[in-house]
Amino acid sequence: MRNKTDRADASLLARFCTAMRPSLWTPPSAEWRELRGWVDRLQALKDMHQQESNRLEAHTATLT
């Protein structure tokens, strides 16, 4: 198939599920979602720290 449409996608997914019988999706637990939120926040803080370190280094380099 060369055309990508919702109907073609639905047909492909239906054939795949009929052939492969994948297990049902279950949403992550509340604990997992909370942990994921903390991990994402920690990464954002690390990124902000790196940005500020880079700004400080660039500022210091312009003074000398």
Protein backbone atom coordinates (compact mmCIF):
# COMPACT_ATOMS: atom_id res chain seq x y z
CA MET A 1 0.00 0.00 0.00
CA ARG A 2 1.36 3.37 -0.94
CA ASN A 3 -1.35 5.60 0.50
CA LYS A 4 -1.38 6.28 4.21
CA THR A 5 -4.92 6.84 5.43
CA ASP A 6 -6.80 6.19 8.65
CA ARG A 7 -8.68 3.36 6.95
CA ALA A 8 -5.44 1.76 5.73
CA ASP A 9 -3.86 2.14 9.19
CA ALA A 10 -6.91 0.60 10.88
CA SER A 11 -6.87 -2.32 8.48
CA LEU A 12 -3.18 -2.93 9.04
CA LEU A 13 -3.58 -2.79 12.82
CA ALA A 14 -6.55 -5.15 12.70
CA ARG A 15 -4.59 -7.69 10.63
CA PHE A 16 -1.61 -7.41 12.95
CA CYS A 17 -3.72 -7.95 16.06
CA THR A 18 -5.51 -10.90 14.49
CA ALA A 19 -2.22 -12.54 13.58
CA MET A 20 -0.09 -11.68 16.62
CA ARG A 21 -2.65 -11.50 19.46
CA PRO A 22 -0.71 -8.90 21.49
CA SER A 23 -1.48 -8.61 25.21
CA LEU A 24 -3.84 -5.87 26.30
CA TRP A 25 -2.36 -2.54 27.29
CA THR A 26 -2.63 -1.61 30.94
CA PRO A 27 -1.98 1.94 32.09
CA PRO A 28 0.96 2.53 34.42
CA SER A 29 0.24 2.65 38.14
CA ALA A 30 -0.17 5.93 40.01
CA GLU A 31 3.15 5.26 41.75
CA TRP A 32 4.93 4.80 38.43
CA ARG A 33 3.42 8.01 37.04
CA GLU A 34 4.48 9.93 40.16
CA LEU A 35 8.02 8.55 39.96
CA ARG A 36 8.15 9.41 36.25
CA GLY A 37 7.10 12.97 37.13
CA TRP A 38 9.92 13.28 39.69
CA VAL A 39 12.47 11.88 37.24
CA ASP A 40 11.32 14.34 34.57
CA ARG A 41 11.52 17.22 37.04
CA LEU A 42 15.02 16.21 38.13
CA GLN A 43 16.15 16.12 34.50
CA ALA A 44 14.66 19.57 33.90
CA LEU A 45 16.55 20.94 36.91
CA LYS A 46 19.80 19.37 35.69
CA ASP A 47 19.24 20.93 32.26
CA MET A 48 18.58 24.36 33.81
CA HIS A 49 21.73 24.04 35.94
CA GLN A 50 23.78 23.24 32.85
CA GLN A 51 22.30 26.22 30.99
CA GLU A 52 23.15 28.57 33.83
CA SER A 53 26.67 27.14 34.09
CA ASN A 54 27.13 27.76 30.38
CA ARG A 55 25.87 31.34 30.73
CA LEU A 56 28.22 31.98 33.64
CA GLU A 57 31.15 30.56 31.71
CA ALA A 58 30.30 32.67 28.65
CA HIS A 59 29.97 35.79 30.80
CA THR A 60 33.26 35.11 32.57
CA ALA A 61 35.01 34.56 29.23
CA THR A 62 33.88 37.98 27.97
CA LEU A 63 35.33 39.74 31.02
CA THR A 64 38.89 38.57 30.44
